[in-house]
PDB file of N, CA and C in Angstrom:
ATOM      1  N   UNK A   1     112.877 111.090  91.923  1.00  0.00           N
ATOM      2  CA  UNK A   1     113.826 112.128  91.616  1.00  0.00           C
ATOM      3  C   UNK A   1     114.590 112.479  92.882  1.00  0.00           C
ATOM      4  N   UNK A   2     115.877 112.459  92.817  1.00  0.00           N
ATOM      5  CA  UNK A   2     116.712 112.803  93.957  1.00  0.00           C
ATOM      6  C   UNK A   2     116.849 114.317  94.074  1.00  0.00           C
ATOM      7  N   UNK A   3     116.943 114.770  95.318  1.00  0.00           N
ATOM      8  CA  UNK A   3     117.122 116.185  95.604  1.00  0.00           C
ATOM      9  C   UNK A   3     118.261 116.314  96.604  1.00  0.00           C
ATOM     10  N   UNK A   4     119.165 117.218  96.358  1.00  0.00           N
ATOM     11  CA  UNK A   4     120.281 117.444  97.283  1.00  0.00           C
ATOM     12  C   UNK A   4     119.817 118.326  98.435  1.00  0.00           C
ATOM     13  N   UNK A   5     120.120 117.896  99.663  1.00  0.00           N
ATOM     14  CA  UNK A   5     119.815 118.692 100.850  1.00  0.00           C
ATOM     15  C   UNK A   5     121.023 118.679 101.778  1.00  0.00           C
ATOM     16  N   UNK A   6     121.109 119.687 102.623  1.00  0.00           N
ATOM     17  CA  UNK A   6     122.188 119.737 103.603  1.00  0.00           C
ATOM     18  C   UNK A   6     121.695 119.107 104.897  1.00  0.00           C
ATOM     19  N   UNK A   7     122.500 118.212 105.440  1.00  0.00           N
ATOM     20  CA  UNK A   7     122.202 117.564 106.715  1.00  0.00           C
ATOM     21  C   UNK A   7     123.344 117.847 107.673  1.00  0.00           C
ATOM     22  N   UNK A   8     123.035 117.850 108.940  1.00  0.00           N
ATOM     23  CA  UNK A   8     124.088 118.091 109.918  1.00  0.00           C
ATOM     24  C   UNK A   8     125.072 116.924 109.939  1.00  0.00           C
ATOM     25  N   UNK A   9     126.292 117.239 110.236  1.00  0.00           N
ATOM     26  CA  UNK A   9     127.339 116.231 110.371  1.00  0.00           C
ATOM     27  C   UNK A   9     126.923 115.209 111.425  1.00  0.00           C
ATOM     28  N   UNK A  10     126.352 115.685 112.526  1.00  0.00           N
ATOM     29  CA  UNK A  10     125.960 114.805 113.626  1.00  0.00           C
ATOM     30  C   UNK A  10     124.909 113.785 113.186  1.00  0.00           C
ATOM     31  N   UNK A  11     123.929 114.220 112.386  1.00  0.00           N
ATOM     32  CA  UNK A  11     122.894 113.294 111.912  1.00  0.00           C
ATOM     33  C   UNK A  11     123.501 112.229 111.007  1.00  0.00           C
ATOM     34  N   UNK A  12     124.357 112.644 110.096  1.00  0.00           N
ATOM     35  CA  UNK A  12     124.982 111.698 109.174  1.00  0.00           C
ATOM     36  C   UNK A  12     125.832 110.691 109.955  1.00  0.00           C
ATOM     37  N   UNK A  13     126.611 111.165 110.906  1.00  0.00           N
ATOM     38  CA  UNK A  13     127.439 110.264 111.714  1.00  0.00           C
ATOM     39  C   UNK A  13     126.583 109.316 112.550  1.00  0.00           C
ATOM     40  N   UNK A  14     125.483 109.809 113.091  1.00  0.00           N
ATOM     41  CA  UNK A  14     124.589 108.962 113.891  1.00  0.00           C
ATOM     42  C   UNK A  14     123.947 107.882 113.041  1.00  0.00           C
ATOM     43  N   UNK A  15     123.709 108.166 111.772  1.00  0.00           N
ATOM     44  CA  UNK A  15     123.060 107.209 110.877  1.00  0.00           C
ATOM     45  C   UNK A  15     123.989 106.077 110.439  1.00  0.00           C
ATOM     46  N   UNK A  16     125.288 106.303 110.464  1.00  0.00           N
ATOM     47  CA  UNK A  16     126.232 105.313 109.923  1.00  0.00           C
ATOM     48  C   UNK A  16     126.139 103.936 110.570  1.00  0.00           C
ATOM     49  N   UNK A  17     126.156 103.810 111.905  1.00  0.00           N
ATOM     50  CA  UNK A  17     126.073 102.458 112.466  1.00  0.00           C
ATOM     51  C   UNK A  17     124.723 101.786 112.217  1.00  0.00           C
ATOM     52  N   UNK A  18     123.652 102.570 112.213  1.00  0.00           N
ATOM     53  CA  UNK A  18     122.328 102.004 111.928  1.00  0.00           C
ATOM     54  C   UNK A  18     122.255 101.531 110.486  1.00  0.00           C
ATOM     55  N   UNK A  19     122.816 102.331 109.582  1.00  0.00           N
ATOM     56  CA  UNK A  19     122.833 101.953 108.168  1.00  0.00           C
ATOM     57  C   UNK A  19     123.598 100.657 107.965  1.00  0.00           C
ATOM     58  N   UNK A  20     124.746 100.546 108.601  1.00  0.00           N
ATOM     59  CA  UNK A  20     125.548  99.335 108.465  1.00  0.00           C
ATOM     60  C   UNK A  20     124.812  98.120 109.021  1.00  0.00           C
ATOM     61  N   UNK A  21     124.178  98.290 110.163  1.00  0.00           N
ATOM     62  CA  UNK A  21     123.471  97.174 110.796  1.00  0.00           C
ATOM     63  C   UNK A  21     122.274  96.712 109.974  1.00  0.00           C
ATOM     64  N   UNK A  22     121.638  97.642 109.278  1.00  0.00           N
ATOM     65  CA  UNK A  22     120.447  97.326 108.489  1.00  0.00           C
ATOM     66  C   UNK A  22     120.761  97.123 107.005  1.00  0.00           C
ATOM     67  N   UNK A  23     122.040  97.136 106.642  1.00  0.00           N
ATOM     68  CA  UNK A  23     122.470  96.952 105.248  1.00  0.00           C
ATOM     69  C   UNK A  23     121.838  97.987 104.325  1.00  0.00           C
ATOM     70  N   UNK A  24     121.846  99.234 104.791  1.00  0.00           N
ATOM     71  CA  UNK A  24     121.347 100.358 103.992  1.00  0.00           C
ATOM     72  C   UNK A  24     122.494 101.343 103.795  1.00  0.00           C
ATOM     73  N   UNK A  25     122.360 102.172 102.788  1.00  0.00           N
ATOM     74  CA  UNK A  25     123.282 103.292 102.672  1.00  0.00           C
ATOM     75  C   UNK A  25     122.883 104.334 103.722  1.00  0.00           C
ATOM     76  N   UNK A  26     123.777 105.260 104.001  1.00  0.00           N
ATOM     77  CA  UNK A  26     123.456 106.315 104.973  1.00  0.00           C
ATOM     78  C   UNK A  26     122.260 107.151 104.494  1.00  0.00           C
ATOM     79  N   UNK A  27     122.216 107.573 103.223  1.00  0.00           N
ATOM     80  CA  UNK A  27     121.030 108.324 102.785  1.00  0.00           C
ATOM     81  C   UNK A  27     119.731 107.511 102.926  1.00  0.00           C
ATOM     82  N   UNK A  28     119.782 106.217 102.611  1.00  0.00           N
ATOM     83  CA  UNK A  28     118.585 105.375 102.757  1.00  0.00           C
ATOM     84  C   UNK A  28     118.175 105.237 104.224  1.00  0.00           C
ATOM     85  N   UNK A  29     119.160 105.187 105.114  1.00  0.00           N
ATOM     86  CA  UNK A  29     118.854 105.102 106.537  1.00  0.00           C
ATOM     87  C   UNK A  29     118.142 106.370 106.995  1.00  0.00           C
ATOM     88  N   UNK A  30     118.623 107.509 106.558  1.00  0.00           N
ATOM     89  CA  UNK A  30     117.992 108.774 106.939  1.00  0.00           C
ATOM     90  C   UNK A  30     116.590 108.863 106.336  1.00  0.00           C
ATOM     91  N   UNK A  31     116.413 108.387 105.107  1.00  0.00           N
ATOM     92  CA  UNK A  31     115.073 108.333 104.511  1.00  0.00           C
ATOM     93  C   UNK A  31     114.159 107.436 105.339  1.00  0.00           C
ATOM     94  N   UNK A  32     114.678 106.301 105.786  1.00  0.00           N
ATOM     95  CA  UNK A  32     113.903 105.378 106.621  1.00  0.00           C
ATOM     96  C   UNK A  32     113.455 106.080 107.902  1.00  0.00           C
ATOM     97  N   UNK A  33     114.381 106.748 108.563  1.00  0.00           N
ATOM     98  CA  UNK A  33     114.024 107.494 109.778  1.00  0.00           C
ATOM     99  C   UNK A  33     112.959 108.545 109.485  1.00  0.00           C
ATOM    100  N   UNK A  34     113.073 109.217 108.355  1.00  0.00           N
ATOM    101  CA  UNK A  34     112.095 110.242 107.990  1.00  0.00           C
ATOM    102  C   UNK A  34     110.716 109.626 107.766  1.00  0.00           C
ATOM    103  N   UNK A  35     110.660 108.470 107.095  1.00  0.00           N
ATOM    104  CA  UNK A  35     109.369 107.802 106.869  1.00  0.00           C
ATOM    105  C   UNK A  35     108.733 107.373 108.187  1.00  0.00           C
ATOM    106  N   UNK A  36     109.545 106.811 109.090  1.00  0.00           N
ATOM    107  CA  UNK A  36     109.015 106.386 110.388  1.00  0.00           C
ATOM    108  C   UNK A  36     108.559 107.609 111.178  1.00  0.00           C
ATOM    109  N   UNK A  37     109.348 108.651 111.167  1.00  0.00           N
ATOM    110  CA  UNK A  37     108.969 109.879 111.874  1.00  0.00           C
ATOM    111  C   UNK A  37     107.676 110.472 111.348  1.00  0.00           C
ATOM    112  N   UNK A  38     107.507 110.476 110.035  1.00  0.00           N
ATOM    113  CA  UNK A  38     106.262 110.981 109.447  1.00  0.00           C
ATOM    114  C   UNK A  38     105.088 110.105 109.855  1.00  0.00           C
ATOM    115  N   UNK A  39     105.283 108.798 109.831  1.00  0.00           N
ATOM    116  CA  UNK A  39     104.214 107.883 110.217  1.00  0.00           C
ATOM    117  C   UNK A  39     103.826 108.071 111.684  1.00  0.00           C
ATOM    118  N   UNK A  40     104.811 108.315 112.545  1.00  0.00           N
ATOM    119  CA  UNK A  40     104.527 108.560 113.967  1.00  0.00           C
ATOM    120  C   UNK A  40     103.720 109.849 114.116  1.00  0.00           C
ATOM    121  N   UNK A  41     104.107 110.875 113.382  1.00  0.00           N
ATOM    122  CA  UNK A  41     103.386 112.145 113.432  1.00  0.00           C
ATOM    123  C   UNK A  41     101.952 111.985 112.910  1.00  0.00           C
ATOM    124  N   UNK A  42     101.796 111.216 111.838  1.00  0.00           N
ATOM    125  CA  UNK A  42     100.481 111.009 111.234  1.00  0.00           C
ATOM    126  C   UNK A  42      99.579 110.089 112.054  1.00  0.00           C
ATOM    127  N   UNK A  43     100.157 109.276 112.932  1.00  0.00           N
ATOM    128  CA  UNK A  43      99.400 108.279 113.708  1.00  0.00           C
ATOM    129  C   UNK A  43      99.783 108.363 115.188  1.00  0.00           C
ATOM    130  N   UNK A  44      99.387 109.427 115.866  1.00  0.00           N
ATOM    131  CA  UNK A  44      99.839 109.631 117.242  1.00  0.00           C
ATOM    132  C   UNK A  44      99.348 108.575 118.234  1.00  0.00           C
ATOM    133  N   UNK A  45      98.324 107.818 117.893  1.00  0.00           N
ATOM    134  CA  UNK A  45      97.808 106.795 118.804  1.00  0.00           C
ATOM    135  C   UNK A  45      98.540 105.464 118.679  1.00  0.00           C
ATOM    136  N   UNK A  46      99.415 105.353 117.695  1.00  0.00           N
ATOM    137  CA  UNK A  46     100.162 104.107 117.490  1.00  0.00           C
ATOM    138  C   UNK A  46     101.573 104.259 118.052  1.00  0.00           C
ATOM    139  N   UNK A  47     102.097 103.178 118.618  1.00  0.00           N
ATOM    140  CA  UNK A  47     103.472 103.212 119.113  1.00  0.00           C
ATOM    141  C   UNK A  47     104.439 103.169 117.927  1.00  0.00           C
ATOM    142  N   UNK A  48     105.628 103.726 118.097  1.00  0.00           N
ATOM    143  CA  UNK A  48     106.608 103.643 117.005  1.00  0.00           C
ATOM    144  C   UNK A  48     106.897 102.193 116.596  1.00  0.00           C
ATOM    145  N   UNK A  49     106.927 101.273 117.543  1.00  0.00           N
ATOM    146  CA  UNK A  49     107.197  99.862 117.217  1.00  0.00           C
ATOM    147  C   UNK A  49     106.079  99.280 116.350  1.00  0.00           C
ATOM    148  N   UNK A  50     104.827  99.604 116.673  1.00  0.00           N
ATOM    149  CA  UNK A  50     103.704  99.125 115.865  1.00  0.00           C
ATOM    150  C   UNK A  50     103.793  99.694 114.454  1.00  0.00           C
ATOM    151  N   UNK A  51     104.185 100.935 114.348  1.00  0.00           N
ATOM    152  CA  UNK A  51     104.344 101.551 113.028  1.00  0.00           C
ATOM    153  C   UNK A  51     105.465 100.861 112.246  1.00  0.00           C
ATOM    154  N   UNK A  52     106.588 100.595 112.896  1.00  0.00           N
ATOM    155  CA  UNK A  52     107.684  99.885 112.224  1.00  0.00           C
ATOM    156  C   UNK A  52     107.227  98.512 111.757  1.00  0.00           C
ATOM    157  N   UNK A  53     106.503  97.791 112.601  1.00  0.00           N
ATOM    158  CA  UNK A  53     106.011  96.468 112.220  1.00  0.00           C
ATOM    159  C   UNK A  53     105.033  96.553 111.052  1.00  0.00           C
ATOM    160  N   UNK A  54     104.210  97.587 111.032  1.00  0.00           N
ATOM    161  CA  UNK A  54     103.258  97.779 109.939  1.00  0.00           C
ATOM    162  C   UNK A  54     103.988  98.077 108.633  1.00  0.00           C
ATOM    163  N   UNK A  55     105.002  98.932 108.691  1.00  0.00           N
ATOM    164  CA  UNK A  55     105.800  99.239 107.499  1.00  0.00           C
ATOM    165  C   UNK A  55     106.483  97.973 106.988  1.00  0.00           C
ATOM    166  N   UNK A  56     107.046  97.187 107.895  1.00  0.00           N
ATOM    167  CA  UNK A  56     107.693  95.933 107.508  1.00  0.00           C
ATOM    168  C   UNK A  56     106.690  94.979 106.869  1.00  0.00           C
ATOM    169  N   UNK A  57     105.523  94.863 107.454  1.00  0.00           N
ATOM    170  CA  UNK A  57     104.493  93.971 106.910  1.00  0.00           C
ATOM    171  C   UNK A  57     104.093  94.373 105.502  1.00  0.00           C
ATOM    172  N   UNK A  58     103.959  95.664 105.268  1.00  0.00           N
ATOM    173  CA  UNK A  58     103.599  96.127 103.925  1.00  0.00           C
ATOM    174  C   UNK A  58     104.677  95.749 102.909  1.00  0.00           C
ATOM    175  N   UNK A  59     105.941  95.858 103.307  1.00  0.00           N
ATOM    176  CA  UNK A  59     107.028  95.490 102.403  1.00  0.00           C
ATOM    177  C   UNK A  59     107.059  93.975 102.183  1.00  0.00           C
ATOM    178  N   UNK A  60     106.755  93.198 103.211  1.00  0.00           N
ATOM    179  CA  UNK A  60     106.708  91.739 103.058  1.00  0.00           C
ATOM    180  C   UNK A  60     105.619  91.335 102.072  1.00  0.00           C
ATOM    181  N   UNK A  61     104.503  92.012 102.112  1.00  0.00           N
ATOM    182  CA  UNK A  61     103.414  91.734 101.166  1.00  0.00           C
ATOM    183  C   UNK A  61     103.886  92.013  99.734  1.00  0.00           C
ATOM    184  N   UNK A  62     104.582  93.121  99.547  1.00  0.00           N
ATOM    185  CA  UNK A  62     105.057  93.496  98.202  1.00  0.00           C
ATOM    186  C   UNK A  62     105.959  92.437  97.584  1.00  0.00           C
ATOM    187  N   UNK A  63     106.745  91.744  98.411  1.00  0.00           N
ATOM    188  CA  UNK A  63     107.683  90.751  97.871  1.00  0.00           C
ATOM    189  C   UNK A  63     107.175  89.318  98.026  1.00  0.00           C
ATOM    190  N   UNK A  64     105.903  89.177  98.408  1.00  0.00           N
ATOM    191  CA  UNK A  64     105.301  87.850  98.454  1.00  0.00           C
ATOM    192  C   UNK A  64     105.613  87.026  99.683  1.00  0.00           C
ATOM    193  N   UNK A  65     106.000  87.654 100.780  1.00  0.00           N
ATOM    194  CA  UNK A  65     106.326  86.917 102.001  1.00  0.00           C
ATOM    195  C   UNK A  65     105.160  86.824 102.990  1.00  0.00           C
ATOM    196  N   UNK A  66     103.994  87.284 102.589  1.00  0.00           N
ATOM    197  CA  UNK A  66     102.835  87.245 103.485  1.00  0.00           C
ATOM    198  C   UNK A  66     101.859  86.171 103.031  1.00  0.00           C
ATOM    199  N   UNK A  67     101.094  85.664 103.989  1.00  0.00           N
ATOM    200  CA  UNK A  67     100.045  84.709 103.659  1.00  0.00           C
ATOM    201  C   UNK A  67      98.760  85.153 104.346  1.00  0.00           C
ATOM    202  N   UNK A  68      97.648  84.712 103.812  1.00  0.00           N
ATOM    203  CA  UNK A  68      96.363  85.105 104.382  1.00  0.00           C
ATOM    204  C   UNK A  68      96.118  84.375 105.700  1.00  0.00           C
ATOM    205  N   UNK A  69      95.277  84.949 106.517  1.00  0.00           N
ATOM    206  CA  UNK A  69      94.956  84.384 107.825  1.00  0.00           C
ATOM    207  C   UNK A  69      93.450  84.244 107.932  1.00  0.00           C
ATOM    208  N   UNK A  70      92.987  83.060 108.350  1.00  0.00           N
ATOM    209  CA  UNK A  70      91.556  82.822 108.543  1.00  0.00           C
ATOM    210  C   UNK A  70      91.169  83.118 109.979  1.00  0.00           C
ATOM    211  N   UNK A  71      90.144  83.916 110.175  1.00  0.00           N
ATOM    212  CA  UNK A  71      89.651  84.267 111.494  1.00  0.00           C
ATOM    213  C   UNK A  71      88.495  83.371 111.904  1.00  0.00           C
ATOM    214  N   UNK A  72      88.588  82.079 111.673  1.00  0.00           N
ATOM    215  CA  UNK A  72      87.488  81.162 112.018  1.00  0.00           C
ATOM    216  C   UNK A  72      87.326  80.955 113.480  1.00  0.00           C
TER     217      UNK A  72
END
């Protein structure tokens, strides 16, 4: 369910080049930043890059781009 919220002009403008580079809409880019920010807050011992890689890996699994790894 979508909810309307007010965002600062500066935040929306800052999101535009990132959204374009990542092929996202501006609202989706801001949602992405919010998810990463929440994950950083929830996992203070992890670096933001590790969190981004973990989020990406989870999405790759959902679309079948992951394979199992043997720890032999």
